[in-house]
Amino acid sequence: MTIDRHPVSLKELIREHLNTAGFQSFEVSYENIGKLNELPLEEIDAVLLAPARYFPPTALARLTRCKLMQVWSSGYDKFNVDDAIKLNIPVANNHGSNAISVAEHAIFMMLGISRRAPEMHQRVITGAWSGNDHGMSSYSLFGKTLGLVGLGNIGSLVAARAEALGMSVLFSDPAVEAPKARSWKKVDFEKLLGLSDYLSFHVHSNKSTRDMIGDQQIALMARKPFLINVSRAELFNKRAILSALDKGLIRGIALDAHYQEPTNTDDSLFSYPNTFFSPHVAGSTLDSYSDTVTACLTNIKHAISGDKVSGLIR
């Protein structure tokens, strides 16, 4: 399963890996999902969701031989997992192969928003060298405090890179204890909000994390931090973010995932100068793509052969 806007080169990479691994495959785009009705779904051994989107329950019910539905990336909030599990179809996500790419992108967005990279680029190509207060509205990462919401595979990689840049690292994650070999400190969520110059979010979007940043949480952000989100836009209440930008309660925001994708040019967030955006590509590099498809196919092979599968959801 793919989406139309994926580049042809990426689809060719996936096809090449599938062919090399000896799979006969059918390719369906979510934009033409009705094509599923034409396929022998009862003979399908596995489904690769690249990316994970809503899959019609009527089609799921026909996957009577399916050993695994493998999610291309870590996030699976747009896929109807419950429908698959009710039919005893295992679902697994891929939670490690693009982690380095995502972590690097988080650091890139911290640097970009701190140094106002989009504005500087425009000043150069337009010849407008006056602006940006000659650095008076730019910031260094060195000596600042990074607050991480989530210290899983990606969060821990971000922490290591931030520490190498001279940042102090705090984190909030009920499932993780502070690593003994690191100087990273675990604090509760509310304290993290008040002590951080930068807040970077590395959690899945679900009922407990959606709108985890709203008016009440922003009011605790004593240092007016930069907010970095390479996970899901829905972690932030959009109305509260717009209000915080209007009132100067946060220093800026950088988003890789968006409330609507593809984005609309009239999105009100795009009118603020202290913002930095990328088109949901944090995990997308040539290096990570090859690792990702290899990891997915390895998991699928394990499922078909009855071996242990990694990343099973529930």
C-alpha atoms as a PDB file:
ATOM      1  CA  MET A   1       0.000   0.000   0.000  1.00  0.00           C
ATOM      2  CA  THR A   2       1.461   3.346  -1.063  1.00  0.00           C
ATOM      3  CA  ILE A   3       0.387   6.911  -1.693  1.00  0.00           C
ATOM      4  CA  ASP A   4       0.506   8.624  -5.062  1.00  0.00           C
ATOM      5  CA  ARG A   5       2.846  11.388  -3.957  1.00  0.00           C
ATOM      6  CA  HIS A   6       5.641   8.949  -3.089  1.00  0.00           C
ATOM      7  CA  PRO A   7       8.435   9.425  -5.633  1.00  0.00           C
ATOM      8  CA  VAL A   8       8.795   6.831  -8.369  1.00  0.00           C
ATOM      9  CA  SER A   9      12.364   6.145  -7.206  1.00  0.00           C
ATOM     10  CA  LEU A  10      11.106   5.126  -3.746  1.00  0.00           C
ATOM     11  CA  LYS A  11       8.484   2.789  -5.183  1.00  0.00           C
ATOM     12  CA  GLU A  12      11.124   1.249  -7.436  1.00  0.00           C
ATOM     13  CA  LEU A  13      13.356   0.697  -4.405  1.00  0.00           C
ATOM     14  CA  ILE A  14      10.555  -1.163  -2.606  1.00  0.00           C
ATOM     15  CA  ARG A  15       9.738  -3.239  -5.685  1.00  0.00           C
ATOM     16  CA  GLU A  16      13.414  -4.145  -6.116  1.00  0.00           C
ATOM     17  CA  HIS A  17      13.655  -5.368  -2.515  1.00  0.00           C
ATOM     18  CA  LEU A  18      10.413  -7.353  -2.855  1.00  0.00           C
ATOM     19  CA  ASN A  19      11.586  -9.018  -6.061  1.00  0.00           C
ATOM     20  CA  THR A  20      15.020  -9.810  -4.629  1.00  0.00           C
ATOM     21  CA  ALA A  21      13.352 -11.382  -1.593  1.00  0.00           C
ATOM     22  CA  GLY A  22      11.259 -13.581  -3.876  1.00  0.00           C
ATOM     23  CA  PHE A  23       7.865 -12.035  -3.212  1.00  0.00           C
ATOM     24  CA  GLN A  24       5.070 -11.813  -5.747  1.00  0.00           C
ATOM     25  CA  SER A  25       3.487  -8.460  -4.932  1.00  0.00           C
ATOM     26  CA  PHE A  26       0.468  -6.337  -5.711  1.00  0.00           C
ATOM     27  CA  GLU A  27       0.715  -2.555  -5.423  1.00  0.00           C
ATOM     28  CA  VAL A  28      -2.290  -0.432  -4.492  1.00  0.00           C
ATOM     29  CA  SER A  29      -2.384   3.283  -3.738  1.00  0.00           C
ATOM     30  CA  TYR A  30      -4.697   4.634  -1.076  1.00  0.00           C
ATOM     31  CA  GLU A  31      -6.012   7.076  -3.676  1.00  0.00           C
ATOM     32  CA  ASN A  32      -7.186   4.077  -5.739  1.00  0.00           C
ATOM     33  CA  ILE A  33      -8.042   1.796  -2.836  1.00  0.00           C
ATOM     34  CA  GLY A  34     -11.006   0.307  -4.678  1.00  0.00           C
ATOM     35  CA  LYS A  35      -8.456  -1.767  -6.604  1.00  0.00           C
ATOM     36  CA  LEU A  36      -8.295  -4.019  -3.526  1.00  0.00           C
ATOM     37  CA  ASN A  37     -11.605  -5.520  -4.650  1.00  0.00           C
ATOM     38  CA  GLU A  38      -9.874  -6.851  -7.775  1.00  0.00           C
ATOM     39  CA  LEU A  39      -7.105  -8.661  -5.895  1.00  0.00           C
ATOM     40  CA  PRO A  40      -7.054 -12.236  -4.512  1.00  0.00           C
ATOM     41  CA  LEU A  41      -6.810 -11.003  -0.922  1.00  0.00           C
ATOM     42  CA  GLU A  42      -7.508 -14.499   0.402  1.00  0.00           C
ATOM     43  CA  GLU A  43      -4.082 -15.530  -0.968  1.00  0.00           C
ATOM     44  CA  ILE A  44      -2.115 -12.631   0.543  1.00  0.00           C
ATOM     45  CA  ASP A  45       0.529 -13.663   3.102  1.00  0.00           C
ATOM     46  CA  ALA A  46       1.377 -10.144   4.316  1.00  0.00           C
ATOM     47  CA  VAL A  47       0.608  -6.483   3.736  1.00  0.00           C
ATOM     48  CA  LEU A  48       3.206  -3.717   3.740  1.00  0.00           C
ATOM     49  CA  LEU A  49       1.599  -0.395   4.697  1.00  0.00           C
ATOM     50  CA  ALA A  50       3.868   2.296   3.304  1.00  0.00           C
ATOM     51  CA  PRO A  51       2.564   4.454   4.918  1.00  0.00           C
ATOM     52  CA  ALA A  52      -0.152   3.259   7.297  1.00  0.00           C
ATOM     53  CA  ARG A  53      -3.582   4.609   6.394  1.00  0.00           C
ATOM     54  CA  TYR A  54      -7.199   3.492   6.807  1.00  0.00           C
ATOM     55  CA  PHE A  55      -7.770   0.021   5.372  1.00  0.00           C
ATOM     56  CA  PRO A  56     -11.368  -0.938   4.533  1.00  0.00           C
ATOM     57  CA  PRO A  57     -12.718  -3.507   7.037  1.00  0.00           C
ATOM     58  CA  THR A  58     -14.369  -5.426   4.195  1.00  0.00           C
ATOM     59  CA  ALA A  59     -10.934  -5.902   2.628  1.00  0.00           C
ATOM     60  CA  LEU A  60      -9.396  -6.822   5.986  1.00  0.00           C
ATOM     61  CA  ALA A  61     -12.003  -9.542   6.410  1.00  0.00           C
ATOM     62  CA  ARG A  62     -10.813 -11.159   3.161  1.00  0.00           C
ATOM     63  CA  LEU A  63      -7.197 -11.386   4.383  1.00  0.00           C
ATOM     64  CA  THR A  64      -7.823 -14.840   5.818  1.00  0.00           C
ATOM     65  CA  ARG A  65      -4.253 -16.043   5.142  1.00  0.00           C
ATOM     66  CA  CYS A  66      -2.451 -12.850   6.200  1.00  0.00           C
ATOM     67  CA  LYS A  67       0.269 -13.437   8.778  1.00  0.00           C
ATOM     68  CA  LEU A  68       1.197  -9.780   9.300  1.00  0.00           C
ATOM     69  CA  MET A  69       0.291  -6.225   8.430  1.00  0.00           C
ATOM     70  CA  GLN A  70       3.628  -4.428   8.574  1.00  0.00           C
ATOM     71  CA  VAL A  71       3.682  -0.666   9.076  1.00  0.00           C
ATOM     72  CA  TRP A  72       6.478   1.073   7.166  1.00  0.00           C
ATOM     73  CA  SER A  73       7.331   3.518   9.950  1.00  0.00           C
ATOM     74  CA  SER A  74       6.831   3.966  13.670  1.00  0.00           C
ATOM     75  CA  GLY A  75       3.528   5.868  13.505  1.00  0.00           C
ATOM     76  CA  TYR A  76       0.289   3.980  12.950  1.00  0.00           C
ATOM     77  CA  ASP A  77      -2.368   6.393  14.239  1.00  0.00           C
ATOM     78  CA  LYS A  78      -4.032   6.708  10.810  1.00  0.00           C
ATOM     79  CA  PHE A  79      -4.468   2.940  10.421  1.00  0.00           C
ATOM     80  CA  ASN A  80      -7.510   1.199  11.909  1.00  0.00           C
ATOM     81  CA  VAL A  81      -5.484  -1.200  14.043  1.00  0.00           C
ATOM     82  CA  ASP A  82      -8.482  -2.369  16.086  1.00  0.00           C
ATOM     83  CA  ASP A  83     -10.274  -3.660  12.987  1.00  0.00           C
ATOM     84  CA  ALA A  84      -7.288  -5.816  12.074  1.00  0.00           C
ATOM     85  CA  ILE A  85      -6.751  -7.140  15.584  1.00  0.00           C
ATOM     86  CA  LYS A  86     -10.430  -8.102  15.904  1.00  0.00           C
ATOM     87  CA  LEU A  87      -9.872 -10.332  12.875  1.00  0.00           C
ATOM     88  CA  ASN A  88      -6.740 -11.847  14.503  1.00  0.00           C
ATOM     89  CA  ILE A  89      -4.447 -10.216  11.941  1.00  0.00           C
ATOM     90  CA  PRO A  90      -1.191  -9.215  13.674  1.00  0.00           C
ATOM     91  CA  VAL A  91       0.013  -5.639  13.138  1.00  0.00           C
ATOM     92  CA  ALA A  92       3.608  -4.486  13.668  1.00  0.00           C
ATOM     93  CA  ASN A  93       5.284  -1.135  13.337  1.00  0.00           C
ATOM     94  CA  ASN A  94       8.856  -0.402  12.334  1.00  0.00           C
ATOM     95  CA  HIS A  95      10.339   1.455  15.251  1.00  0.00           C
ATOM     96  CA  GLY A  96      14.055   1.657  14.643  1.00  0.00           C
ATOM     97  CA  SER A  97      15.289   1.734  11.068  1.00  0.00           C
ATOM     98  CA  ASN A  98      14.630   5.432  10.435  1.00  0.00           C
ATOM     99  CA  ALA A  99      15.266   6.586  14.018  1.00  0.00           C
ATOM    100  CA  ILE A 100      18.624   8.188  13.206  1.00  0.00           C
ATOM    101  CA  SER A 101      17.099  10.118  10.315  1.00  0.00           C
ATOM    102  CA  VAL A 102      14.273  11.413  12.525  1.00  0.00           C
ATOM    103  CA  ALA A 103      16.658  12.331  15.328  1.00  0.00           C
ATOM    104  CA  GLU A 104      18.936  14.230  12.956  1.00  0.00           C
ATOM    105  CA  HIS A 105      15.908  16.033  11.559  1.00  0.00           C
ATOM    106  CA  ALA A 106      14.837  17.110  15.048  1.00  0.00           C
ATOM    107  CA  ILE A 107      18.262  18.672  15.595  1.00  0.00           C
ATOM    108  CA  PHE A 108      18.094  20.240  12.129  1.00  0.00           C
ATOM    109  CA  MET A 109      14.755  21.829  13.026  1.00  0.00           C
ATOM    110  CA  MET A 110      16.132  23.117  16.338  1.00  0.00           C
ATOM    111  CA  LEU A 111      18.990  24.770  14.491  1.00  0.00           C
ATOM    112  CA  GLY A 112      16.727  26.024  11.706  1.00  0.00           C
ATOM    113  CA  ILE A 113      14.185  27.676  13.998  1.00  0.00           C
ATOM    114  CA  SER A 114      16.900  29.058  16.290  1.00  0.00           C
ATOM    115  CA  ARG A 115      18.825  30.680  13.451  1.00  0.00           C
ATOM    116  CA  ARG A 116      15.715  31.545  11.403  1.00  0.00           C
ATOM    117  CA  ALA A 117      16.998  29.566   8.429  1.00  0.00           C
ATOM    118  CA  PRO A 118      14.062  30.229   6.044  1.00  0.00           C
ATOM    119  CA  GLU A 119      14.395  33.994   6.504  1.00  0.00           C
ATOM    120  CA  MET A 120      18.181  33.937   6.082  1.00  0.00           C
ATOM    121  CA  HIS A 121      17.864  31.923   2.878  1.00  0.00           C
ATOM    122  CA  GLN A 122      15.363  34.416   1.465  1.00  0.00           C
ATOM    123  CA  ARG A 123      17.553  37.375   2.418  1.00  0.00           C
ATOM    124  CA  VAL A 124      20.471  35.923   0.464  1.00  0.00           C
ATOM    125  CA  ILE A 125      18.608  34.979  -2.718  1.00  0.00           C
ATOM    126  CA  THR A 126      16.732  38.306  -2.810  1.00  0.00           C
ATOM    127  CA  GLY A 127      19.740  40.443  -1.885  1.00  0.00           C
ATOM    128  CA  ALA A 128      17.965  41.755   1.238  1.00  0.00           C
ATOM    129  CA  TRP A 129      20.939  41.675   3.588  1.00  0.00           C
ATOM    130  CA  SER A 130      19.298  43.949   6.140  1.00  0.00           C
ATOM    131  CA  GLY A 131      16.994  42.063   8.495  1.00  0.00           C
ATOM    132  CA  ASN A 132      16.762  39.506  11.255  1.00  0.00           C
ATOM    133  CA  ASP A 133      18.168  42.183  13.579  1.00  0.00           C
ATOM    134  CA  HIS A 134      21.665  41.079  12.498  1.00  0.00           C
ATOM    135  CA  GLY A 135      21.449  38.037  14.763  1.00  0.00           C
ATOM    136  CA  MET A 136      19.677  39.703  17.665  1.00  0.00           C
ATOM    137  CA  SER A 137      16.697  37.389  17.137  1.00  0.00           C
ATOM    138  CA  SER A 138      18.779  34.242  16.649  1.00  0.00           C
ATOM    139  CA  TYR A 139      19.907  31.785  19.311  1.00  0.00           C
ATOM    140  CA  SER A 140      22.670  29.265  19.963  1.00  0.00           C
ATOM    141  CA  LEU A 141      21.876  25.766  21.199  1.00  0.00           C
ATOM    142  CA  PHE A 142      24.987  25.648  23.387  1.00  0.00           C
ATOM    143  CA  GLY A 143      24.161  26.117  27.062  1.00  0.00           C
ATOM    144  CA  LYS A 144      20.405  25.745  26.569  1.00  0.00           C
ATOM    145  CA  THR A 145      18.150  23.162  28.186  1.00  0.00           C
ATOM    146  CA  LEU A 146      16.401  20.640  25.973  1.00  0.00           C
ATOM    147  CA  GLY A 147      13.269  19.012  27.314  1.00  0.00           C
ATOM    148  CA  LEU A 148      12.371  15.725  25.631  1.00  0.00           C
ATOM    149  CA  VAL A 149       8.855  14.350  25.799  1.00  0.00           C
ATOM    150  CA  GLY A 150       9.544  10.661  25.238  1.00  0.00           C
ATOM    151  CA  LEU A 151      12.918   8.931  25.527  1.00  0.00           C
ATOM    152  CA  GLY A 152      12.447   5.927  23.258  1.00  0.00           C
ATOM    153  CA  ASN A 153      14.619   5.037  20.275  1.00  0.00           C
ATOM    154  CA  ILE A 154      14.339   8.474  18.677  1.00  0.00           C
ATOM    155  CA  GLY A 155      14.264  10.556  21.847  1.00  0.00           C
ATOM    156  CA  SER A 156      17.462   8.985  23.171  1.00  0.00           C
ATOM    157  CA  LEU A 157      19.238   9.628  19.867  1.00  0.00           C
ATOM    158  CA  VAL A 158      18.142  13.276  19.969  1.00  0.00           C
ATOM    159  CA  ALA A 159      19.382  13.522  23.564  1.00  0.00           C
ATOM    160  CA  ALA A 160      22.848  12.227  22.645  1.00  0.00           C
ATOM    161  CA  ARG A 161      23.173  14.660  19.760  1.00  0.00           C
ATOM    162  CA  ALA A 162      21.915  17.600  21.799  1.00  0.00           C
ATOM    163  CA  GLU A 163      24.352  16.781  24.580  1.00  0.00           C
ATOM    164  CA  ALA A 164      27.197  16.761  22.048  1.00  0.00           C
ATOM    165  CA  LEU A 165      26.148  20.304  21.086  1.00  0.00           C
ATOM    166  CA  GLY A 166      26.507  21.432  24.682  1.00  0.00           C
ATOM    167  CA  MET A 167      22.855  21.313  25.710  1.00  0.00           C
ATOM    168  CA  SER A 168      21.576  20.103  29.073  1.00  0.00           C
ATOM    169  CA  VAL A 169      19.014  17.337  28.639  1.00  0.00           C
ATOM    170  CA  LEU A 170      15.874  16.768  30.681  1.00  0.00           C
ATOM    171  CA  PHE A 171      13.183  14.252  29.776  1.00  0.00           C
ATOM    172  CA  SER A 172       9.748  13.065  30.752  1.00  0.00           C
ATOM    173  CA  ASP A 173       8.784   9.461  30.039  1.00  0.00           C
ATOM    174  CA  PRO A 174       6.910   7.252  32.516  1.00  0.00           C
ATOM    175  CA  ALA A 175       8.262   4.099  30.854  1.00  0.00           C
ATOM    176  CA  VAL A 176      11.977   5.001  30.975  1.00  0.00           C
ATOM    177  CA  GLU A 177      14.423   5.564  33.801  1.00  0.00           C
ATOM    178  CA  ALA A 178      17.377   7.942  33.509  1.00  0.00           C
ATOM    179  CA  PRO A 179      20.371   6.153  31.905  1.00  0.00           C
ATOM    180  CA  LYS A 180      23.123   5.752  34.509  1.00  0.00           C
ATOM    181  CA  ALA A 181      25.884   6.479  31.998  1.00  0.00           C
ATOM    182  CA  ARG A 182      24.355   9.799  30.955  1.00  0.00           C
ATOM    183  CA  SER A 183      23.769  13.158  32.591  1.00  0.00           C
ATOM    184  CA  TRP A 184      20.172  13.273  31.339  1.00  0.00           C
ATOM    185  CA  LYS A 185      17.702  13.981  34.138  1.00  0.00           C
ATOM    186  CA  LYS A 186      14.181  12.630  34.403  1.00  0.00           C
ATOM    187  CA  VAL A 187      11.542  15.070  35.636  1.00  0.00           C
ATOM    188  CA  ASP A 188       7.756  15.089  35.621  1.00  0.00           C
ATOM    189  CA  PHE A 189       5.971  16.550  32.621  1.00  0.00           C
ATOM    190  CA  GLU A 190       4.873  19.806  34.283  1.00  0.00           C
ATOM    191  CA  LYS A 191       8.392  20.508  35.586  1.00  0.00           C
ATOM    192  CA  LEU A 192       9.828  19.765  32.148  1.00  0.00           C
ATOM    193  CA  LEU A 193       7.594  22.433  30.617  1.00  0.00           C
ATOM    194  CA  GLY A 194       8.864  25.047  33.057  1.00  0.00           C
ATOM    195  CA  LEU A 195      12.590  24.304  32.806  1.00  0.00           C
ATOM    196  CA  SER A 196      13.113  23.890  29.059  1.00  0.00           C
ATOM    197  CA  ASP A 197      14.410  26.329  26.446  1.00  0.00           C
ATOM    198  CA  TYR A 198      13.506  23.784  23.760  1.00  0.00           C
ATOM    199  CA  LEU A 199      10.812  21.122  23.904  1.00  0.00           C
ATOM    200  CA  SER A 200      11.034  18.242  21.452  1.00  0.00           C
ATOM    201  CA  PHE A 201       8.247  15.656  21.198  1.00  0.00           C
ATOM    202  CA  HIS A 202       8.843  11.966  20.470  1.00  0.00           C
ATOM    203  CA  VAL A 203       5.636  10.118  21.348  1.00  0.00           C
ATOM    204  CA  HIS A 204       2.915   8.420  19.335  1.00  0.00           C
ATOM    205  CA  SER A 205      -0.378  10.167  18.669  1.00  0.00           C
ATOM    206  CA  ASN A 206      -3.153   8.462  20.615  1.00  0.00           C
ATOM    207  CA  LYS A 207      -5.990   9.332  22.983  1.00  0.00           C
ATOM    208  CA  SER A 208      -3.612  10.136  25.824  1.00  0.00           C
ATOM    209  CA  THR A 209      -1.208  12.329  23.826  1.00  0.00           C
ATOM    210  CA  ARG A 210      -3.456  14.276  21.460  1.00  0.00           C
ATOM    211  CA  ASP A 211      -3.707  17.903  22.596  1.00  0.00           C
ATOM    212  CA  MET A 212      -1.114  17.217  25.273  1.00  0.00           C
ATOM    213  CA  ILE A 213      -0.015  20.818  24.726  1.00  0.00           C
ATOM    214  CA  GLY A 214      -2.814  23.323  25.268  1.00  0.00           C
ATOM    215  CA  ASP A 215      -3.397  26.577  27.106  1.00  0.00           C
ATOM    216  CA  GLN A 216      -2.785  25.056  30.524  1.00  0.00           C
ATOM    217  CA  GLN A 217       0.545  23.513  29.536  1.00  0.00           C
ATOM    218  CA  ILE A 218       1.739  26.613  27.680  1.00  0.00           C
ATOM    219  CA  ALA A 219       1.074  28.670  30.819  1.00  0.00           C
ATOM    220  CA  LEU A 220       3.741  26.549  32.581  1.00  0.00           C
ATOM    221  CA  MET A 221       6.421  27.322  29.969  1.00  0.00           C
ATOM    222  CA  ALA A 222       8.319  29.903  31.979  1.00  0.00           C
ATOM    223  CA  ARG A 223      11.245  30.161  29.535  1.00  0.00           C
ATOM    224  CA  LYS A 224       9.073  30.695  26.436  1.00  0.00           C
ATOM    225  CA  PRO A 225      10.648  27.728  24.663  1.00  0.00           C
ATOM    226  CA  PHE A 226      10.883  26.715  21.053  1.00  0.00           C
ATOM    227  CA  LEU A 227       8.577  23.762  20.322  1.00  0.00           C
ATOM    228  CA  ILE A 228       9.921  21.041  18.014  1.00  0.00           C
ATOM    229  CA  ASN A 229       7.533  18.397  16.707  1.00  0.00           C
ATOM    230  CA  VAL A 230       8.689  15.684  14.303  1.00  0.00           C
ATOM    231  CA  SER A 231       6.005  13.257  15.517  1.00  0.00           C
ATOM    232  CA  ARG A 232       2.381  14.284  14.899  1.00  0.00           C
ATOM    233  CA  ALA A 233       0.856  17.769  14.758  1.00  0.00           C
ATOM    234  CA  GLU A 234      -2.122  16.577  16.805  1.00  0.00           C
ATOM    235  CA  LEU A 235       0.043  16.492  19.924  1.00  0.00           C
ATOM    236  CA  PHE A 236      -0.494  20.269  19.958  1.00  0.00           C
ATOM    237  CA  ASN A 237      -3.849  21.986  20.231  1.00  0.00           C
ATOM    238  CA  LYS A 238      -3.670  24.255  17.210  1.00  0.00           C
ATOM    239  CA  ARG A 239      -5.834  27.044  18.642  1.00  0.00           C
ATOM    240  CA  ALA A 240      -3.634  27.149  21.753  1.00  0.00           C
ATOM    241  CA  ILE A 241      -0.466  27.280  19.630  1.00  0.00           C
ATOM    242  CA  LEU A 242      -1.791  30.163  17.541  1.00  0.00           C
ATOM    243  CA  SER A 243      -2.735  32.015  20.719  1.00  0.00           C
ATOM    244  CA  ALA A 244       0.723  31.400  22.194  1.00  0.00           C
ATOM    245  CA  LEU A 245       2.409  32.741  19.060  1.00  0.00           C
ATOM    246  CA  ASP A 246       0.169  35.822  19.110  1.00  0.00           C
ATOM    247  CA  LYS A 247       0.938  36.521  22.781  1.00  0.00           C
ATOM    248  CA  GLY A 248       4.644  35.692  22.615  1.00  0.00           C
ATOM    249  CA  LEU A 249       4.280  32.848  25.127  1.00  0.00           C
ATOM    250  CA  ILE A 250       6.555  30.618  23.043  1.00  0.00           C
ATOM    251  CA  ARG A 251       9.640  31.639  21.104  1.00  0.00           C
ATOM    252  CA  GLY A 252       8.700  29.711  17.992  1.00  0.00           C
ATOM    253  CA  ILE A 253       7.547  26.391  16.594  1.00  0.00           C
ATOM    254  CA  ALA A 254       8.987  23.873  14.118  1.00  0.00           C
ATOM    255  CA  LEU A 255       6.751  21.191  12.607  1.00  0.00           C
ATOM    256  CA  ASP A 256       7.482  18.275  10.301  1.00  0.00           C
ATOM    257  CA  ALA A 257       4.010  16.685  10.495  1.00  0.00           C
ATOM    258  CA  HIS A 258       0.963  18.871   9.846  1.00  0.00           C
ATOM    259  CA  TYR A 259      -2.709  19.131  10.746  1.00  0.00           C
ATOM    260  CA  GLN A 260      -3.619  18.588   7.107  1.00  0.00           C
ATOM    261  CA  GLU A 261      -1.414  16.841   4.566  1.00  0.00           C
ATOM    262  CA  PRO A 262      -0.736  17.994   1.927  1.00  0.00           C
ATOM    263  CA  THR A 263      -0.902  21.441   3.494  1.00  0.00           C
ATOM    264  CA  ASN A 264      -3.040  24.387   2.409  1.00  0.00           C
ATOM    265  CA  THR A 265      -1.219  27.600   1.590  1.00  0.00           C
ATOM    266  CA  ASP A 266      -3.741  29.602   3.645  1.00  0.00           C
ATOM    267  CA  ASP A 267      -2.911  27.787   6.910  1.00  0.00           C
ATOM    268  CA  SER A 268      -2.803  30.473   9.598  1.00  0.00           C
ATOM    269  CA  LEU A 269       0.395  29.013  11.062  1.00  0.00           C
ATOM    270  CA  PHE A 270       2.293  29.983   7.932  1.00  0.00           C
ATOM    271  CA  SER A 271       1.895  33.706   8.598  1.00  0.00           C
ATOM    272  CA  TYR A 272       4.270  33.783  11.598  1.00  0.00           C
ATOM    273  CA  PRO A 273       7.960  34.607  11.096  1.00  0.00           C
ATOM    274  CA  ASN A 274       9.131  32.489  14.049  1.00  0.00           C
ATOM    275  CA  THR A 275       8.131  29.183  12.462  1.00  0.00           C
ATOM    276  CA  PHE A 276       9.969  26.489  10.510  1.00  0.00           C
ATOM    277  CA  PHE A 277       8.301  23.700   8.535  1.00  0.00           C
ATOM    278  CA  SER A 278       9.231  20.595   6.575  1.00  0.00           C
ATOM    279  CA  PRO A 279       6.888  18.357   4.520  1.00  0.00           C
ATOM    280  CA  HIS A 280       6.753  15.262   6.769  1.00  0.00           C
ATOM    281  CA  VAL A 281      10.179  14.014   5.757  1.00  0.00           C
ATOM    282  CA  ALA A 282      11.920  13.545   9.113  1.00  0.00           C
ATOM    283  CA  GLY A 283      12.401   9.830   8.540  1.00  0.00           C
ATOM    284  CA  SER A 284      13.007  10.146   4.821  1.00  0.00           C
ATOM    285  CA  THR A 285      16.572   9.854   3.603  1.00  0.00           C
ATOM    286  CA  LEU A 286      18.094   7.591   0.985  1.00  0.00           C
ATOM    287  CA  ASP A 287      19.985   5.860   3.782  1.00  0.00           C
ATOM    288  CA  SER A 288      16.933   5.244   5.966  1.00  0.00           C
ATOM    289  CA  TYR A 289      14.696   4.067   3.108  1.00  0.00           C
ATOM    290  CA  SER A 290      16.885   1.060   2.346  1.00  0.00           C
ATOM    291  CA  ASP A 291      17.177   0.169   6.037  1.00  0.00           C
ATOM    292  CA  THR A 292      13.414   0.558   6.475  1.00  0.00           C
ATOM    293  CA  VAL A 293      12.343  -1.724   3.650  1.00  0.00           C
ATOM    294  CA  THR A 294      14.936  -4.319   4.698  1.00  0.00           C
ATOM    295  CA  ALA A 295      13.620  -4.305   8.271  1.00  0.00           C
ATOM    296  CA  CYS A 296      10.007  -4.572   7.072  1.00  0.00           C
ATOM    297  CA  LEU A 297      10.702  -7.523   4.812  1.00  0.00           C
ATOM    298  CA  THR A 298      12.728  -9.286   7.504  1.00  0.00           C
ATOM    299  CA  ASN A 299       9.764  -8.987   9.864  1.00  0.00           C
ATOM    300  CA  ILE A 300       7.371 -10.239   7.182  1.00  0.00           C
ATOM    301  CA  LYS A 301       9.582 -13.262   6.495  1.00  0.00           C
ATOM    302  CA  HIS A 302       9.655 -14.058  10.208  1.00  0.00           C
ATOM    303  CA  ALA A 303       5.861 -13.856  10.406  1.00  0.00           C
ATOM    304  CA  ILE A 304       5.364 -16.149   7.417  1.00  0.00           C
ATOM    305  CA  SER A 305       7.855 -18.717   8.729  1.00  0.00           C
ATOM    306  CA  GLY A 306       6.438 -18.611  12.250  1.00  0.00           C
ATOM    307  CA  ASP A 307       9.489 -16.955  13.820  1.00  0.00           C
ATOM    308  CA  LYS A 308       9.396 -14.122  16.351  1.00  0.00           C
ATOM    309  CA  VAL A 309       8.107 -10.809  15.001  1.00  0.00           C
ATOM    310  CA  SER A 310       9.308  -7.463  16.377  1.00  0.00           C
ATOM    311  CA  GLY A 311       7.227  -4.375  16.943  1.00  0.00           C
ATOM    312  CA  LEU A 312       3.873  -6.117  17.436  1.00  0.00           C
ATOM    313  CA  ILE A 313       1.164  -3.628  18.394  1.00  0.00           C
ATOM    314  CA  ARG A 314      -0.701  -4.963  21.429  1.00  0.00           C
END
